[in-house]
Amino acid sequence: MNKKNVAIIVTVAAILLCGCPGLFSLFFGGMFALISFIPGTNIDVMGSSDPRSALNFGIGGVCIGIVFVLIAAAAIFSAWRRKSDTAPNANTFPPTI
């Protein structure tokens, strides 16, 4: 396969497997964290009505979302980065004039 084809496949896989879930987790984690500060809100996080559980759930979701987005960005960057085929030789001198 061509390097460009592999890069396209890696990009699509990284976006679908890490990028989308990461953004979803960032959004809902932030939403849970913000909702925990609203007084009088009916909070139910896995059976707990404590606002601290919503805050902890939200902060955890944001952290996991950041990790997923960074993984997707690193995979896409490494797939599309141009690599030189030949390494420069340390013993080569520039041509003399």
PDB file of N, CA and C in Angstrom:
ATOM      1  N   MET A   1       0.828  -1.174   0.000  1.00  0.00           N
ATOM      2  CA  MET A   1       0.000   0.000   0.000  1.00  0.00           C
ATOM      3  C   MET A   1       0.878   1.246   0.000  1.00  0.00           C
ATOM      4  N   ASN A   2       0.342   2.290  -0.522  1.00  0.00           N
ATOM      5  CA  ASN A   2       1.022   3.567  -0.586  1.00  0.00           C
ATOM      6  C   ASN A   2       1.006   4.223   0.802  1.00  0.00           C
ATOM      7  N   LYS A   3       2.024   5.046   1.089  1.00  0.00           N
ATOM      8  CA  LYS A   3       2.082   5.715   2.393  1.00  0.00           C
ATOM      9  C   LYS A   3       0.900   6.653   2.598  1.00  0.00           C
ATOM     10  N   LYS A   4       0.436   7.252   1.508  1.00  0.00           N
ATOM     11  CA  LYS A   4      -0.694   8.168   1.618  1.00  0.00           C
ATOM     12  C   LYS A   4      -1.974   7.411   1.978  1.00  0.00           C
ATOM     13  N   ASN A   5      -2.148   6.228   1.403  1.00  0.00           N
ATOM     14  CA  ASN A   5      -3.327   5.416   1.729  1.00  0.00           C
ATOM     15  C   ASN A   5      -3.319   4.992   3.196  1.00  0.00           C
ATOM     16  N   VAL A   6      -2.142   4.611   3.683  1.00  0.00           N
ATOM     17  CA  VAL A   6      -2.021   4.212   5.083  1.00  0.00           C
ATOM     18  C   VAL A   6      -2.327   5.404   5.986  1.00  0.00           C
ATOM     19  N   ALA A   7      -1.845   6.587   5.607  1.00  0.00           N
ATOM     20  CA  ALA A   7      -2.099   7.783   6.405  1.00  0.00           C
ATOM     21  C   ALA A   7      -3.595   8.107   6.447  1.00  0.00           C
ATOM     22  N   ILE A   8      -4.290   7.928   5.337  1.00  0.00           N
ATOM     23  CA  ILE A   8      -5.736   8.183   5.305  1.00  0.00           C
ATOM     24  C   ILE A   8      -6.478   7.190   6.198  1.00  0.00           C
ATOM     25  N   ILE A   9      -6.091   5.927   6.141  1.00  0.00           N
ATOM     26  CA  ILE A   9      -6.727   4.902   6.974  1.00  0.00           C
ATOM     27  C   ILE A   9      -6.477   5.179   8.455  1.00  0.00           C
ATOM     28  N   VAL A  10      -5.237   5.545   8.799  1.00  0.00           N
ATOM     29  CA  VAL A  10      -4.913   5.855  10.197  1.00  0.00           C
ATOM     30  C   VAL A  10      -5.700   7.077  10.672  1.00  0.00           C
ATOM     31  N   THR A  11      -5.836   8.074   9.805  1.00  0.00           N
ATOM     32  CA  THR A  11      -6.578   9.283  10.171  1.00  0.00           C
ATOM     33  C   THR A  11      -8.041   8.963  10.451  1.00  0.00           C
ATOM     34  N   VAL A  12      -8.671   8.211   9.569  1.00  0.00           N
ATOM     35  CA  VAL A  12     -10.086   7.865   9.755  1.00  0.00           C
ATOM     36  C   VAL A  12     -10.267   7.011  11.010  1.00  0.00           C
ATOM     37  N   ALA A  13      -9.377   6.043  11.221  1.00  0.00           N
ATOM     38  CA  ALA A  13      -9.482   5.194  12.409  1.00  0.00           C
ATOM     39  C   ALA A  13      -9.263   5.989  13.688  1.00  0.00           C
ATOM     40  N   ALA A  14      -8.296   6.896  13.672  1.00  0.00           N
ATOM     41  CA  ALA A  14      -8.022   7.695  14.872  1.00  0.00           C
ATOM     42  C   ALA A  14      -9.189   8.623  15.190  1.00  0.00           C
ATOM     43  N   ILE A  15      -9.798   9.193  14.157  1.00  0.00           N
ATOM     44  CA  ILE A  15     -10.931  10.086  14.401  1.00  0.00           C
ATOM     45  C   ILE A  15     -12.128   9.313  14.929  1.00  0.00           C
ATOM     46  N   LEU A  16     -12.406   8.153  14.331  1.00  0.00           N
ATOM     47  CA  LEU A  16     -13.577   7.381  14.759  1.00  0.00           C
ATOM     48  C   LEU A  16     -13.385   6.714  16.118  1.00  0.00           C
ATOM     49  N   LEU A  17     -12.173   6.217  16.395  1.00  0.00           N
ATOM     50  CA  LEU A  17     -11.957   5.450  17.621  1.00  0.00           C
ATOM     51  C   LEU A  17     -11.498   6.296  18.800  1.00  0.00           C
ATOM     52  N   CYS A  18     -10.855   7.435  18.541  1.00  0.00           N
ATOM     53  CA  CYS A  18     -10.359   8.262  19.647  1.00  0.00           C
ATOM     54  C   CYS A  18     -10.898   9.689  19.625  1.00  0.00           C
ATOM     55  N   GLY A  19     -10.987  10.293  18.453  1.00  0.00           N
ATOM     56  CA  GLY A  19     -11.391  11.690  18.361  1.00  0.00           C
ATOM     57  C   GLY A  19     -12.833  11.923  18.765  1.00  0.00           C
ATOM     58  N   CYS A  20     -13.742  11.172  18.172  1.00  0.00           N
ATOM     59  CA  CYS A  20     -15.174  11.357  18.477  1.00  0.00           C
ATOM     60  C   CYS A  20     -15.510  11.004  19.926  1.00  0.00           C
ATOM     61  N   PRO A  21     -15.061   9.851  20.448  1.00  0.00           N
ATOM     62  CA  PRO A  21     -15.336   9.576  21.866  1.00  0.00           C
ATOM     63  C   PRO A  21     -14.673  10.580  22.799  1.00  0.00           C
ATOM     64  N   GLY A  22     -13.490  11.083  22.418  1.00  0.00           N
ATOM     65  CA  GLY A  22     -12.821  12.081  23.247  1.00  0.00           C
ATOM     66  C   GLY A  22     -13.592  13.383  23.319  1.00  0.00           C
ATOM     67  N   LEU A  23     -14.080  13.857  22.178  1.00  0.00           N
ATOM     68  CA  LEU A  23     -14.871  15.086  22.175  1.00  0.00           C
ATOM     69  C   LEU A  23     -16.193  14.899  22.913  1.00  0.00           C
ATOM     70  N   PHE A  24     -16.805  13.733  22.758  1.00  0.00           N
ATOM     71  CA  PHE A  24     -18.045  13.403  23.477  1.00  0.00           C
ATOM     72  C   PHE A  24     -17.791  13.436  24.986  1.00  0.00           C
ATOM     73  N   SER A  25     -16.689  12.833  25.405  1.00  0.00           N
ATOM     74  CA  SER A  25     -16.351  12.800  26.825  1.00  0.00           C
ATOM     75  C   SER A  25     -16.025  14.192  27.350  1.00  0.00           C
ATOM     76  N   LEU A  26     -15.321  14.994  26.556  1.00  0.00           N
ATOM     77  CA  LEU A  26     -15.037  16.374  26.962  1.00  0.00           C
ATOM     78  C   LEU A  26     -16.320  17.169  27.165  1.00  0.00           C
ATOM     79  N   PHE A  27     -17.242  17.053  26.225  1.00  0.00           N
ATOM     80  CA  PHE A  27     -18.489  17.804  26.300  1.00  0.00           C
ATOM     81  C   PHE A  27     -19.309  17.390  27.515  1.00  0.00           C
ATOM     82  N   PHE A  28     -19.556  16.096  27.667  1.00  0.00           N
ATOM     83  CA  PHE A  28     -20.414  15.647  28.761  1.00  0.00           C
ATOM     84  C   PHE A  28     -19.723  15.746  30.113  1.00  0.00           C
ATOM     85  N   GLY A  29     -18.403  15.589  30.153  1.00  0.00           N
ATOM     86  CA  GLY A  29     -17.690  15.797  31.415  1.00  0.00           C
ATOM     87  C   GLY A  29     -17.776  17.234  31.866  1.00  0.00           C
ATOM     88  N   GLY A  30     -17.599  18.168  30.922  1.00  0.00           N
ATOM     89  CA  GLY A  30     -17.744  19.578  31.266  1.00  0.00           C
ATOM     90  C   GLY A  30     -19.157  19.915  31.687  1.00  0.00           C
ATOM     91  N   MET A  31     -20.123  19.303  31.028  1.00  0.00           N
ATOM     92  CA  MET A  31     -21.520  19.559  31.381  1.00  0.00           C
ATOM     93  C   MET A  31     -21.818  19.064  32.801  1.00  0.00           C
ATOM     94  N   PHE A  32     -21.347  17.867  33.144  1.00  0.00           N
ATOM     95  CA  PHE A  32     -21.565  17.344  34.500  1.00  0.00           C
ATOM     96  C   PHE A  32     -20.861  18.222  35.536  1.00  0.00           C
ATOM     97  N   ALA A  33     -19.647  18.676  35.216  1.00  0.00           N
ATOM     98  CA  ALA A  33     -18.915  19.520  36.164  1.00  0.00           C
ATOM     99  C   ALA A  33     -19.627  20.851  36.382  1.00  0.00           C
ATOM    100  N   LEU A  34     -20.157  21.439  35.318  1.00  0.00           N
ATOM    101  CA  LEU A  34     -20.876  22.705  35.472  1.00  0.00           C
ATOM    102  C   LEU A  34     -22.205  22.525  36.190  1.00  0.00           C
ATOM    103  N   ILE A  35     -22.897  21.443  35.901  1.00  0.00           N
ATOM    104  CA  ILE A  35     -24.195  21.201  36.536  1.00  0.00           C
ATOM    105  C   ILE A  35     -24.042  20.986  38.040  1.00  0.00           C
ATOM    106  N   SER A  36     -22.901  20.475  38.474  1.00  0.00           N
ATOM    107  CA  SER A  36     -22.722  20.222  39.906  1.00  0.00           C
ATOM    108  C   SER A  36     -22.691  21.508  40.715  1.00  0.00           C
ATOM    109  N   PHE A  37     -22.434  22.659  40.074  1.00  0.00           N
ATOM    110  CA  PHE A  37     -22.386  23.930  40.796  1.00  0.00           C
ATOM    111  C   PHE A  37     -23.717  24.666  40.828  1.00  0.00           C
ATOM    112  N   ILE A  38     -24.706  24.207  40.086  1.00  0.00           N
ATOM    113  CA  ILE A  38     -26.003  24.880  40.038  1.00  0.00           C
ATOM    114  C   ILE A  38     -26.824  24.450  41.257  1.00  0.00           C
ATOM    115  N   PRO A  39     -27.233  25.411  42.102  1.00  0.00           N
ATOM    116  CA  PRO A  39     -28.000  25.031  43.295  1.00  0.00           C
ATOM    117  C   PRO A  39     -29.417  24.594  42.931  1.00  0.00           C
ATOM    118  N   GLY A  40     -29.888  23.584  43.635  1.00  0.00           N
ATOM    119  CA  GLY A  40     -31.249  23.098  43.433  1.00  0.00           C
ATOM    120  C   GLY A  40     -31.424  22.198  42.233  1.00  0.00           C
ATOM    121  N   THR A  41     -30.326  21.757  41.637  1.00  0.00           N
ATOM    122  CA  THR A  41     -30.417  20.891  40.468  1.00  0.00           C
ATOM    123  C   THR A  41     -30.698  19.460  40.905  1.00  0.00           C
ATOM    124  N   ASN A  42     -31.569  18.777  40.189  1.00  0.00           N
ATOM    125  CA  ASN A  42     -31.875  17.381  40.457  1.00  0.00           C
ATOM    126  C   ASN A  42     -30.781  16.530  39.811  1.00  0.00           C
ATOM    127  N   ILE A  43     -29.783  16.131  40.614  1.00  0.00           N
ATOM    128  CA  ILE A  43     -28.624  15.384  40.120  1.00  0.00           C
ATOM    129  C   ILE A  43     -28.804  13.912  40.444  1.00  0.00           C
ATOM    130  N   ASP A  44     -28.592  13.068  39.471  1.00  0.00           N
ATOM    131  CA  ASP A  44     -28.609  11.622  39.684  1.00  0.00           C
ATOM    132  C   ASP A  44     -27.481  11.007  38.865  1.00  0.00           C
ATOM    133  N   VAL A  45     -26.343  10.805  39.520  1.00  0.00           N
ATOM    134  CA  VAL A  45     -25.185  10.211  38.857  1.00  0.00           C
ATOM    135  C   VAL A  45     -24.992   8.817  39.426  1.00  0.00           C
ATOM    136  N   MET A  46     -25.405   7.816  38.678  1.00  0.00           N
ATOM    137  CA  MET A  46     -25.284   6.415  39.058  1.00  0.00           C
ATOM    138  C   MET A  46     -25.888   6.152  40.440  1.00  0.00           C
ATOM    139  N   GLY A  47     -27.046   6.730  40.694  1.00  0.00           N
ATOM    140  CA  GLY A  47     -27.764   6.493  41.938  1.00  0.00           C
ATOM    141  C   GLY A  47     -27.418   7.445  43.065  1.00  0.00           C
ATOM    142  N   SER A  48     -26.470   8.323  42.883  1.00  0.00           N
ATOM    143  CA  SER A  48     -26.080   9.267  43.924  1.00  0.00           C
ATOM    144  C   SER A  48     -26.611  10.653  43.577  1.00  0.00           C
ATOM    145  N   SER A  49     -27.159  11.330  44.573  1.00  0.00           N
ATOM    146  CA  SER A  49     -27.676  12.683  44.347  1.00  0.00           C
ATOM    147  C   SER A  49     -26.720  13.741  44.893  1.00  0.00           C
ATOM    148  N   ASP A  50     -25.518  13.350  45.256  1.00  0.00           N
ATOM    149  CA  ASP A  50     -24.521  14.268  45.793  1.00  0.00           C
ATOM    150  C   ASP A  50     -23.871  15.059  44.653  1.00  0.00           C
ATOM    151  N   PRO A  51     -23.788  16.381  44.761  1.00  0.00           N
ATOM    152  CA  PRO A  51     -23.145  17.170  43.699  1.00  0.00           C
ATOM    153  C   PRO A  51     -21.667  16.850  43.518  1.00  0.00           C
ATOM    154  N   ARG A  52     -21.010  16.387  44.590  1.00  0.00           N
ATOM    155  CA  ARG A  52     -19.593  16.027  44.455  1.00  0.00           C
ATOM    156  C   ARG A  52     -19.395  14.845  43.514  1.00  0.00           C
ATOM    157  N   SER A  53     -20.349  13.926  43.495  1.00  0.00           N
ATOM    158  CA  SER A  53     -20.223  12.794  42.576  1.00  0.00           C
ATOM    159  C   SER A  53     -20.343  13.259  41.132  1.00  0.00           C
ATOM    160  N   ALA A  54     -21.207  14.242  40.879  1.00  0.00           N
ATOM    161  CA  ALA A  54     -21.314  14.799  39.533  1.00  0.00           C
ATOM    162  C   ALA A  54     -20.040  15.536  39.150  1.00  0.00           C
ATOM    163  N   LEU A  55     -19.456  16.270  40.107  1.00  0.00           N
ATOM    164  CA  LEU A  55     -18.215  16.984  39.842  1.00  0.00           C
ATOM    165  C   LEU A  55     -17.072  16.016  39.556  1.00  0.00           C
ATOM    166  N   ASN A  56     -16.960  14.963  40.370  1.00  0.00           N
ATOM    167  CA  ASN A  56     -15.907  13.962  40.148  1.00  0.00           C
ATOM    168  C   ASN A  56     -16.094  13.255  38.817  1.00  0.00           C
ATOM    169  N   PHE A  57     -17.315  12.911  38.494  1.00  0.00           N
ATOM    170  CA  PHE A  57     -17.615  12.263  37.221  1.00  0.00           C
ATOM    171  C   PHE A  57     -17.263  13.195  36.060  1.00  0.00           C
ATOM    172  N   GLY A  58     -17.575  14.476  36.213  1.00  0.00           N
ATOM    173  CA  GLY A  58     -17.283  15.450  35.168  1.00  0.00           C
ATOM    174  C   GLY A  58     -15.803  15.673  34.968  1.00  0.00           C
ATOM    175  N   ILE A  59     -15.062  15.825  36.058  1.00  0.00           N
ATOM    176  CA  ILE A  59     -13.613  16.033  35.941  1.00  0.00           C
ATOM    177  C   ILE A  59     -12.943  14.798  35.357  1.00  0.00           C
ATOM    178  N   GLY A  60     -13.382  13.622  35.763  1.00  0.00           N
ATOM    179  CA  GLY A  60     -12.836  12.392  35.177  1.00  0.00           C
ATOM    180  C   GLY A  60     -13.128  12.298  33.685  1.00  0.00           C
ATOM    181  N   GLY A  61     -14.338  12.680  33.297  1.00  0.00           N
ATOM    182  CA  GLY A  61     -14.688  12.663  31.875  1.00  0.00           C
ATOM    183  C   GLY A  61     -13.857  13.637  31.063  1.00  0.00           C
ATOM    184  N   VAL A  62     -13.604  14.815  31.621  1.00  0.00           N
ATOM    185  CA  VAL A  62     -12.777  15.803  30.919  1.00  0.00           C
ATOM    186  C   VAL A  62     -11.350  15.287  30.765  1.00  0.00           C
ATOM    187  N   CYS A  63     -10.799  14.703  31.811  1.00  0.00           N
ATOM    188  CA  CYS A  63      -9.428  14.174  31.742  1.00  0.00           C
ATOM    189  C   CYS A  63      -9.318  13.046  30.714  1.00  0.00           C
ATOM    190  N   ILE A  64     -10.263  12.131  30.731  1.00  0.00           N
ATOM    191  CA  ILE A  64     -10.241  11.032  29.768  1.00  0.00           C
ATOM    192  C   ILE A  64     -10.433  11.565  28.348  1.00  0.00           C
ATOM    193  N   GLY A  65     -11.291  12.557  28.187  1.00  0.00           N
ATOM    194  CA  GLY A  65     -11.505  13.168  26.877  1.00  0.00           C
ATOM    195  C   GLY A  65     -10.248  13.820  26.337  1.00  0.00           C
ATOM    196  N   ILE A  66      -9.511  14.526  27.207  1.00  0.00           N
ATOM    197  CA  ILE A  66      -8.257  15.149  26.776  1.00  0.00           C
ATOM    198  C   ILE A  66      -7.262  14.099  26.325  1.00  0.00           C
ATOM    199  N   VAL A  67      -7.163  13.000  27.063  1.00  0.00           N
ATOM    200  CA  VAL A  67      -6.237  11.927  26.685  1.00  0.00           C
ATOM    201  C   VAL A  67      -6.613  11.343  25.326  1.00  0.00           C
ATOM    202  N   PHE A  68      -7.891  11.108  25.107  1.00  0.00           N
ATOM    203  CA  PHE A  68      -8.332  10.535  23.833  1.00  0.00           C
ATOM    204  C   PHE A  68      -8.055  11.480  22.663  1.00  0.00           C
ATOM    205  N   VAL A  69      -8.319  12.760  22.856  1.00  0.00           N
ATOM    206  CA  VAL A  69      -8.073  13.730  21.783  1.00  0.00           C
ATOM    207  C   VAL A  69      -6.574  13.831  21.496  1.00  0.00           C
ATOM    208  N   LEU A  70      -5.743  13.798  22.528  1.00  0.00           N
ATOM    209  CA  LEU A  70      -4.296  13.840  22.313  1.00  0.00           C
ATOM    210  C   LEU A  70      -3.791  12.595  21.593  1.00  0.00           C
ATOM    211  N   ILE A  71      -4.360  11.437  21.911  1.00  0.00           N
ATOM    212  CA  ILE A  71      -3.978  10.209  21.206  1.00  0.00           C
ATOM    213  C   ILE A  71      -4.337  10.314  19.734  1.00  0.00           C
ATOM    214  N   ALA A  72      -5.527  10.810  19.438  1.00  0.00           N
ATOM    215  CA  ALA A  72      -5.945  10.966  18.042  1.00  0.00           C
ATOM    216  C   ALA A  72      -5.049  11.956  17.318  1.00  0.00           C
ATOM    217  N   ALA A  73      -4.712  13.078  17.961  1.00  0.00           N
ATOM    218  CA  ALA A  73      -3.851  14.081  17.334  1.00  0.00           C
ATOM    219  C   ALA A  73      -2.451  13.526  17.084  1.00  0.00           C
ATOM    220  N   ALA A  74      -1.913  12.759  18.031  1.00  0.00           N
ATOM    221  CA  ALA A  74      -0.582  12.183  17.853  1.00  0.00           C
ATOM    222  C   ALA A  74      -0.578  11.146  16.727  1.00  0.00           C
ATOM    223  N   ALA A  75      -1.632  10.341  16.633  1.00  0.00           N
ATOM    224  CA  ALA A  75      -1.696   9.344  15.561  1.00  0.00           C
ATOM    225  C   ALA A  75      -1.789  10.008  14.195  1.00  0.00           C
ATOM    226  N   ILE A  76      -2.588  11.056  14.088  1.00  0.00           N
ATOM    227  CA  ILE A  76      -2.725  11.758  12.814  1.00  0.00           C
ATOM    228  C   ILE A  76      -1.431  12.469  12.455  1.00  0.00           C
ATOM    229  N   PHE A  77      -0.787  13.105  13.435  1.00  0.00           N
ATOM    230  CA  PHE A  77       0.473  13.791  13.167  1.00  0.00           C
ATOM    231  C   PHE A  77       1.551  12.821  12.708  1.00  0.00           C
ATOM    232  N   SER A  78       1.658  11.680  13.385  1.00  0.00           N
ATOM    233  CA  SER A  78       2.694  10.717  13.001  1.00  0.00           C
ATOM    234  C   SER A  78       2.401  10.061  11.661  1.00  0.00           C
ATOM    235  N   ALA A  79       1.141   9.962  11.293  1.00  0.00           N
ATOM    236  CA  ALA A  79       0.800   9.351  10.005  1.00  0.00           C
ATOM    237  C   ALA A  79       1.084  10.297   8.843  1.00  0.00           C
ATOM    238  N   TRP A  80       0.857  11.589   9.023  1.00  0.00           N
ATOM    239  CA  TRP A  80       1.026  12.548   7.932  1.00  0.00           C
ATOM    240  C   TRP A  80       2.377  13.247   7.932  1.00  0.00           C
ATOM    241  N   ARG A  81       3.217  12.977   8.904  1.00  0.00           N
ATOM    242  CA  ARG A  81       4.531  13.613   8.963  1.00  0.00           C
ATOM    243  C   ARG A  81       5.391  13.103   7.812  1.00  0.00           C
ATOM    244  N   ARG A  82       6.080  14.020   7.175  1.00  0.00           N
ATOM    245  CA  ARG A  82       6.963  13.634   6.072  1.00  0.00           C
ATOM    246  C   ARG A  82       8.292  13.181   6.649  1.00  0.00           C
ATOM    247  N   LYS A  83       8.700  12.006   6.223  1.00  0.00           N
ATOM    248  CA  LYS A  83       9.982  11.468   6.656  1.00  0.00           C
ATOM    249  C   LYS A  83      10.909  11.452   5.452  1.00  0.00           C
ATOM    250  N   SER A  84      12.121  11.890   5.669  1.00  0.00           N
ATOM    251  CA  SER A  84      13.070  11.851   4.561  1.00  0.00           C
ATOM    252  C   SER A  84      13.532  10.409   4.348  1.00  0.00           C
ATOM    253  N   ASP A  85      13.657  10.026   3.081  1.00  0.00           N
ATOM    254  CA  ASP A  85      14.039   8.650   2.769  1.00  0.00           C
ATOM    255  C   ASP A  85      15.522   8.410   3.019  1.00  0.00           C
ATOM    256  N   THR A  86      16.325   9.428   2.853  1.00  0.00           N
ATOM    257  CA  THR A  86      17.762   9.273   3.055  1.00  0.00           C
ATOM    258  C   THR A  86      18.202  10.179   4.187  1.00  0.00           C
ATOM    259  N   ALA A  87      19.016   9.638   5.051  1.00  0.00           N
ATOM    260  CA  ALA A  87      19.544  10.423   6.152  1.00  0.00           C
ATOM    261  C   ALA A  87      20.758  11.196   5.663  1.00  0.00           C
ATOM    262  N   PRO A  88      20.949  12.395   6.116  1.00  0.00           N
ATOM    263  CA  PRO A  88      22.117  13.158   5.675  1.00  0.00           C
ATOM    264  C   PRO A  88      23.403  12.514   6.184  1.00  0.00           C
ATOM    265  N   ASN A  89      24.399  12.493   5.330  1.00  0.00           N
ATOM    266  CA  ASN A  89      25.678  11.896   5.672  1.00  0.00           C
ATOM    267  C   ASN A  89      26.523  12.945   6.395  1.00  0.00           C
ATOM    268  N   ALA A  90      27.076  12.600   7.532  1.00  0.00           N
ATOM    269  CA  ALA A  90      27.836  13.553   8.320  1.00  0.00           C
ATOM    270  C   ALA A  90      29.197  13.869   7.674  1.00  0.00           C
ATOM    271  N   ASN A  91      29.678  12.989   6.785  1.00  0.00           N
ATOM    272  CA  ASN A  91      30.991  13.188   6.167  1.00  0.00           C
ATOM    273  C   ASN A  91      30.908  13.949   4.856  1.00  0.00           C
ATOM    274  N   THR A  92      29.761  14.375   4.448  1.00  0.00           N
ATOM    275  CA  THR A  92      29.640  15.096   3.178  1.00  0.00           C
ATOM    276  C   THR A  92      29.923  16.567   3.403  1.00  0.00           C
ATOM    277  N   PHE A  93      30.731  17.107   2.519  1.00  0.00           N
ATOM    278  CA  PHE A  93      31.047  18.528   2.581  1.00  0.00           C
ATOM    279  C   PHE A  93      30.354  19.253   1.450  1.00  0.00           C
ATOM    280  N   PRO A  94      30.046  20.520   1.643  1.00  0.00           N
ATOM    281  CA  PRO A  94      29.418  21.273   0.549  1.00  0.00           C
ATOM    282  C   PRO A  94      30.426  21.450  -0.595  1.00  0.00           C
ATOM    283  N   PRO A  95      29.927  21.614  -1.811  1.00  0.00           N
ATOM    284  CA  PRO A  95      30.842  21.757  -2.938  1.00  0.00           C
ATOM    285  C   PRO A  95      31.641  23.056  -2.830  1.00  0.00           C
ATOM    286  N   THR A  96      32.864  22.956  -3.278  1.00  0.00           N
ATOM    287  CA  THR A  96      33.725  24.142  -3.240  1.00  0.00           C
ATOM    288  C   THR A  96      33.475  24.999  -4.461  1.00  0.00           C
ATOM    289  N   ILE A  97      33.677  26.263  -4.318  1.00  0.00           N
ATOM    290  CA  ILE A  97      33.426  27.195  -5.422  1.00  0.00           C
ATOM    291  C   ILE A  97      34.728  27.504  -6.134  1.00  0.00           C
TER     292      ILE A  97
END
